[in-house]
Every structure is written in C-alpha cells, then in structure tokens.
Amino acid sequence: MQYTIELTVAGCDTCCAHCYVNGGAAAEMPLASAYAAIEKIRGICALLPGEAAITLGNDLLRHSAAGELVTFAARNAGDYFDFNGESVVPTTGIALMARADRDALL
C-alpha cells in the first residue's frame, strides 16, 4: 500500500467543487510550524507499512516562503520527499503567475 501525506501550508486561489481544500485564501502556516510538521510526518512515514510520501500543498506556491519550504523538506524529509522524482507541486498556476519571484522559484 502507498500513503501520501499532504501538509497544507496555504489556501488556494480557486474554489473547485470536487476539491477537499474548499478554496479561498487561508493564512500561511508559519515556517517554524511547517518545519516541525515535516519532521513529525517523516517519523510517521517511517512507521507506515509500504511506501510513503510527503507532499506540500495546497497551494504551496501561495506561501511566501515556498522555496524555503521545498528546500527544508528536501533536506529533512529524507526519501519521503522526492521533489525531483514523482512528487508534484499541486497548484492551479494562479499563485505562481502572481509571484514576482516566479522565475527564481522555478
């Protein structure tokens, strides 16, 4: 069995009827809280039977520190966070296009 644990770090710019996020702006998760959650989730993943993955969502790119979050997860979540492999960035693209630092972030 495969598990994916999503850490929701910001809201979403849309309100799609099919989505569990329910859309709309949400307060950003403070970096310290996100870092602590990533470390705790890594420990949970190690206990699960089968494969496990950590993803940062919805919408990660709405978070002002998206780059820092990805860097921290890549360094501290071990193989559970494989940003360059099968992991994806859940986004509508709206948040990315609204960022002044989008080219650097990509």
N, C-alpha and C. Protein backbone atom coordinates (compact mmCIF):
# COMPACT_ATOMS: atom_id res chain seq x y z
N MET A 1 0.84 -1.17 0.00
CA MET A 1 0.00 0.00 0.00
C MET A 1 0.89 1.24 0.00
N GLN A 2 0.43 2.28 -0.67
CA GLN A 2 1.18 3.54 -0.71
C GLN A 2 0.38 4.62 -0.01
N TYR A 3 1.09 5.41 0.78
CA TYR A 3 0.48 6.52 1.51
C TYR A 3 1.09 7.83 1.04
N THR A 4 0.26 8.85 0.91
CA THR A 4 0.75 10.19 0.65
C THR A 4 0.14 11.09 1.71
N ILE A 5 0.99 11.78 2.43
CA ILE A 5 0.54 12.71 3.46
C ILE A 5 0.81 14.12 2.95
N GLU A 6 -0.25 14.89 2.83
CA GLU A 6 -0.12 16.26 2.34
C GLU A 6 -0.16 17.23 3.51
N LEU A 7 0.80 18.09 3.54
CA LEU A 7 0.85 19.15 4.54
C LEU A 7 0.35 20.41 3.85
N THR A 8 -0.84 20.87 4.23
CA THR A 8 -1.44 22.05 3.63
C THR A 8 -0.85 23.29 4.29
N VAL A 9 -0.13 24.10 3.51
CA VAL A 9 0.62 25.23 4.06
C VAL A 9 0.02 26.59 3.72
N ALA A 10 -0.94 26.64 2.82
CA ALA A 10 -1.61 27.89 2.45
C ALA A 10 -2.94 27.54 1.79
N GLY A 11 -3.74 28.53 1.51
CA GLY A 11 -5.03 28.29 0.86
C GLY A 11 -4.88 28.10 -0.63
N CYS A 12 -5.98 28.25 -1.34
CA CYS A 12 -5.99 28.07 -2.78
C CYS A 12 -6.72 29.25 -3.41
N ASP A 13 -6.35 29.56 -4.64
CA ASP A 13 -6.94 30.70 -5.33
C ASP A 13 -8.27 30.38 -6.01
N THR A 14 -8.64 29.12 -6.05
CA THR A 14 -9.89 28.74 -6.70
C THR A 14 -10.79 28.04 -5.69
N CYS A 15 -11.96 27.71 -6.12
CA CYS A 15 -12.93 27.03 -5.25
C CYS A 15 -13.62 25.94 -6.06
N CYS A 16 -12.87 24.91 -6.42
CA CYS A 16 -13.38 23.82 -7.25
C CYS A 16 -14.31 22.92 -6.43
N ALA A 17 -15.45 22.58 -6.99
CA ALA A 17 -16.44 21.79 -6.29
C ALA A 17 -15.92 20.40 -5.91
N HIS A 18 -15.00 19.85 -6.70
CA HIS A 18 -14.51 18.50 -6.46
C HIS A 18 -13.39 18.43 -5.42
N CYS A 19 -12.88 19.57 -4.97
CA CYS A 19 -11.67 19.58 -4.15
C CYS A 19 -11.97 19.67 -2.66
N TYR A 20 -11.20 18.93 -1.87
CA TYR A 20 -11.35 18.91 -0.42
C TYR A 20 -10.82 20.16 0.26
N VAL A 21 -10.06 21.00 -0.45
CA VAL A 21 -9.46 22.18 0.16
C VAL A 21 -10.51 23.26 0.41
N ASN A 22 -11.58 23.27 -0.35
CA ASN A 22 -12.67 24.23 -0.25
C ASN A 22 -12.30 25.62 -0.73
N GLY A 23 -11.12 25.80 -1.25
CA GLY A 23 -10.72 27.04 -1.88
C GLY A 23 -10.69 28.25 -0.96
N GLY A 24 -10.23 29.32 -1.51
CA GLY A 24 -10.16 30.57 -0.79
C GLY A 24 -8.84 30.76 -0.08
N ALA A 25 -8.55 32.02 0.15
CA ALA A 25 -7.30 32.36 0.83
C ALA A 25 -7.32 31.82 2.26
N ALA A 26 -6.17 31.41 2.71
CA ALA A 26 -6.02 30.95 4.10
C ALA A 26 -4.71 31.52 4.61
N ALA A 27 -4.62 31.64 5.90
CA ALA A 27 -3.38 32.13 6.49
C ALA A 27 -2.25 31.15 6.18
N GLU A 28 -1.08 31.69 5.93
CA GLU A 28 0.08 30.83 5.71
C GLU A 28 0.45 30.13 7.01
N MET A 29 0.85 28.87 6.89
CA MET A 29 1.38 28.18 8.05
C MET A 29 2.74 28.80 8.36
N PRO A 30 2.99 29.18 9.60
CA PRO A 30 4.30 29.73 9.95
C PRO A 30 5.40 28.71 9.62
N LEU A 31 6.55 29.21 9.18
CA LEU A 31 7.65 28.33 8.79
C LEU A 31 8.04 27.38 9.91
N ALA A 32 8.13 27.87 11.13
CA ALA A 32 8.52 27.00 12.25
C ALA A 32 7.54 25.85 12.41
N SER A 33 6.26 26.13 12.24
CA SER A 33 5.24 25.07 12.34
C SER A 33 5.36 24.08 11.20
N ALA A 34 5.60 24.60 10.00
CA ALA A 34 5.76 23.71 8.84
C ALA A 34 6.98 22.83 9.00
N TYR A 35 8.09 23.40 9.46
CA TYR A 35 9.31 22.62 9.66
C TYR A 35 9.07 21.51 10.69
N ALA A 36 8.42 21.86 11.80
CA ALA A 36 8.14 20.86 12.83
C ALA A 36 7.23 19.76 12.29
N ALA A 37 6.22 20.15 11.51
CA ALA A 37 5.29 19.17 10.94
C ALA A 37 6.00 18.23 9.97
N ILE A 38 6.89 18.77 9.14
CA ILE A 38 7.63 17.93 8.19
C ILE A 38 8.45 16.88 8.94
N GLU A 39 9.11 17.29 10.00
CA GLU A 39 9.92 16.35 10.78
C GLU A 39 9.05 15.28 11.45
N LYS A 40 7.89 15.68 11.97
CA LYS A 40 6.99 14.71 12.61
C LYS A 40 6.40 13.75 11.58
N ILE A 41 6.01 14.29 10.42
CA ILE A 41 5.44 13.45 9.38
C ILE A 41 6.48 12.45 8.87
N ARG A 42 7.74 12.87 8.78
CA ARG A 42 8.81 11.94 8.38
C ARG A 42 8.83 10.74 9.33
N GLY A 43 8.70 11.00 10.62
CA GLY A 43 8.67 9.91 11.60
C GLY A 43 7.47 9.00 11.42
N ILE A 44 6.34 9.57 11.09
CA ILE A 44 5.13 8.78 10.85
C ILE A 44 5.33 7.90 9.61
N CYS A 45 5.89 8.49 8.56
CA CYS A 45 6.13 7.73 7.33
C CYS A 45 7.00 6.50 7.58
N ALA A 46 7.96 6.66 8.47
CA ALA A 46 8.86 5.54 8.77
C ALA A 46 8.12 4.38 9.43
N LEU A 47 7.01 4.65 10.07
CA LEU A 47 6.24 3.62 10.77
C LEU A 47 5.17 2.95 9.90
N LEU A 48 4.86 3.54 8.78
CA LEU A 48 3.79 3.00 7.94
C LEU A 48 4.27 1.79 7.14
N PRO A 49 3.39 0.78 6.99
CA PRO A 49 3.75 -0.35 6.13
C PRO A 49 3.62 0.07 4.67
N GLY A 50 4.59 -0.25 3.88
CA GLY A 50 4.55 0.12 2.47
C GLY A 50 5.23 1.45 2.23
N GLU A 51 5.04 1.96 1.02
CA GLU A 51 5.68 3.21 0.62
C GLU A 51 4.91 4.40 1.16
N ALA A 52 5.64 5.47 1.46
CA ALA A 52 5.01 6.69 1.97
C ALA A 52 5.68 7.89 1.32
N ALA A 53 4.91 8.96 1.17
CA ALA A 53 5.43 10.18 0.57
C ALA A 53 4.84 11.38 1.29
N ILE A 54 5.60 12.47 1.31
CA ILE A 54 5.15 13.74 1.86
C ILE A 54 5.05 14.73 0.70
N THR A 55 3.93 15.43 0.63
CA THR A 55 3.78 16.48 -0.37
C THR A 55 3.36 17.77 0.33
N LEU A 56 3.77 18.88 -0.22
CA LEU A 56 3.41 20.19 0.32
C LEU A 56 2.33 20.78 -0.57
N GLY A 57 1.21 21.16 0.01
CA GLY A 57 0.12 21.66 -0.80
C GLY A 57 -0.67 22.69 -0.02
N ASN A 58 -1.63 22.82 -0.44
CA ASN A 58 -2.48 23.31 -1.47
C ASN A 58 -2.78 24.73 -1.18
N ASP A 59 -2.34 25.60 -1.79
CA ASP A 59 -1.44 25.68 -2.92
C ASP A 59 -0.09 26.13 -2.38
N LEU A 60 0.90 25.27 -2.43
CA LEU A 60 2.24 25.57 -1.93
C LEU A 60 2.74 26.92 -2.43
N LEU A 61 2.47 27.24 -3.68
CA LEU A 61 3.01 28.45 -4.28
C LEU A 61 2.33 29.72 -3.80
N ARG A 62 1.26 29.60 -3.01
CA ARG A 62 0.66 30.76 -2.35
C ARG A 62 1.47 31.15 -1.12
N HIS A 63 2.27 30.25 -0.61
CA HIS A 63 3.07 30.53 0.58
C HIS A 63 4.25 31.41 0.19
N SER A 64 4.46 32.49 0.91
CA SER A 64 5.53 33.42 0.56
C SER A 64 6.92 32.79 0.66
N ALA A 65 7.05 31.73 1.43
CA ALA A 65 8.34 31.05 1.61
C ALA A 65 8.33 29.67 0.95
N ALA A 66 7.68 29.55 -0.20
CA ALA A 66 7.57 28.26 -0.88
C ALA A 66 8.94 27.66 -1.16
N GLY A 67 9.87 28.45 -1.61
CA GLY A 67 11.21 27.94 -1.91
C GLY A 67 11.91 27.40 -0.68
N GLU A 68 11.78 28.11 0.43
CA GLU A 68 12.39 27.66 1.69
C GLU A 68 11.75 26.36 2.18
N LEU A 69 10.43 26.25 2.00
CA LEU A 69 9.73 25.02 2.42
C LEU A 69 10.21 23.82 1.62
N VAL A 70 10.34 23.99 0.31
CA VAL A 70 10.81 22.89 -0.54
C VAL A 70 12.24 22.50 -0.17
N THR A 71 13.08 23.50 0.04
CA THR A 71 14.48 23.23 0.42
C THR A 71 14.55 22.49 1.74
N PHE A 72 13.77 22.93 2.73
CA PHE A 72 13.78 22.27 4.03
C PHE A 72 13.29 20.82 3.90
N ALA A 73 12.19 20.63 3.18
CA ALA A 73 11.64 19.28 3.02
C ALA A 73 12.64 18.37 2.31
N ALA A 74 13.29 18.90 1.29
CA ALA A 74 14.26 18.09 0.55
C ALA A 74 15.42 17.67 1.44
N ARG A 75 15.81 18.51 2.37
CA ARG A 75 16.94 18.22 3.25
C ARG A 75 16.55 17.40 4.48
N ASN A 76 15.29 17.49 4.91
CA ASN A 76 14.92 16.91 6.20
C ASN A 76 13.87 15.81 6.17
N ALA A 77 13.25 15.59 5.03
CA ALA A 77 12.23 14.55 4.96
C ALA A 77 12.76 13.26 4.37
N GLY A 78 14.03 13.24 4.05
CA GLY A 78 14.62 12.02 3.51
C GLY A 78 13.99 11.62 2.20
N ASP A 79 13.95 10.33 1.97
CA ASP A 79 13.39 9.80 0.72
C ASP A 79 11.88 9.96 0.63
N TYR A 80 11.24 10.40 1.71
CA TYR A 80 9.79 10.57 1.68
C TYR A 80 9.38 11.79 0.86
N PHE A 81 10.32 12.71 0.66
CA PHE A 81 10.05 13.90 -0.15
C PHE A 81 11.01 13.86 -1.32
N ASP A 82 10.51 13.47 -2.49
CA ASP A 82 11.33 13.34 -3.68
C ASP A 82 10.84 14.36 -4.70
N PHE A 83 11.24 15.60 -4.50
CA PHE A 83 10.73 16.69 -5.32
C PHE A 83 11.14 16.57 -6.79
N ASN A 84 12.25 15.94 -7.06
CA ASN A 84 12.71 15.81 -8.44
C ASN A 84 12.27 14.52 -9.11
N GLY A 85 11.59 13.68 -8.37
CA GLY A 85 11.14 12.41 -8.94
C GLY A 85 9.67 12.43 -9.25
N GLU A 86 8.91 11.66 -8.52
CA GLU A 86 7.49 11.53 -8.79
C GLU A 86 6.64 12.59 -8.11
N SER A 87 7.18 13.31 -7.17
CA SER A 87 6.40 14.33 -6.46
C SER A 87 6.04 15.46 -7.40
N VAL A 88 4.93 16.07 -7.12
CA VAL A 88 4.45 17.18 -7.93
C VAL A 88 4.14 18.36 -7.02
N VAL A 89 3.99 19.52 -7.63
CA VAL A 89 3.57 20.71 -6.90
C VAL A 89 2.10 20.92 -7.21
N PRO A 90 1.22 20.65 -6.24
CA PRO A 90 -0.20 20.87 -6.50
C PRO A 90 -0.47 22.37 -6.59
N THR A 91 -0.85 22.83 -7.75
CA THR A 91 -1.11 24.25 -7.96
C THR A 91 -2.06 24.45 -9.12
N THR A 92 -2.80 25.54 -9.06
CA THR A 92 -3.63 25.94 -10.20
C THR A 92 -2.82 26.76 -11.19
N GLY A 93 -1.66 27.23 -10.74
CA GLY A 93 -0.83 28.10 -11.56
C GLY A 93 -1.10 29.57 -11.29
N ILE A 94 -2.24 29.88 -10.70
CA ILE A 94 -2.60 31.27 -10.42
C ILE A 94 -1.60 31.89 -9.44
N ALA A 95 -1.29 31.18 -8.39
CA ALA A 95 -0.35 31.70 -7.39
C ALA A 95 1.03 31.90 -7.99
N LEU A 96 1.46 30.97 -8.84
CA LEU A 96 2.76 31.10 -9.48
C LEU A 96 2.83 32.35 -10.34
N MET A 97 1.81 32.58 -11.13
CA MET A 97 1.81 33.74 -12.02
C MET A 97 1.75 35.04 -11.26
N ALA A 98 1.21 35.03 -10.05
CA ALA A 98 1.11 36.25 -9.24
C ALA A 98 2.40 36.57 -8.49
N ARG A 99 3.36 35.65 -8.48
CA ARG A 99 4.60 35.85 -7.73
C ARG A 99 5.61 36.67 -8.54
N ALA A 100 6.19 37.67 -7.90
CA ALA A 100 7.25 38.45 -8.54
C ALA A 100 8.52 37.62 -8.71
N ASP A 101 8.70 36.62 -7.83
CA ASP A 101 9.90 35.78 -7.86
C ASP A 101 9.70 34.46 -8.59
N ARG A 102 8.69 34.38 -9.45
CA ARG A 102 8.35 33.10 -10.08
C ARG A 102 9.49 32.48 -10.87
N ASP A 103 10.25 33.30 -11.61
CA ASP A 103 11.35 32.74 -12.40
C ASP A 103 12.43 32.15 -11.48
N ALA A 104 12.77 32.85 -10.42
CA ALA A 104 13.77 32.35 -9.48
C ALA A 104 13.26 31.11 -8.75
N LEU A 105 11.98 31.12 -8.41
CA LEU A 105 11.39 29.98 -7.70
C LEU A 105 11.40 28.73 -8.56
N LEU A 106 11.06 28.89 -9.81
CA LEU A 106 11.07 27.73 -10.70
C LEU A 106 12.48 27.20 -10.89
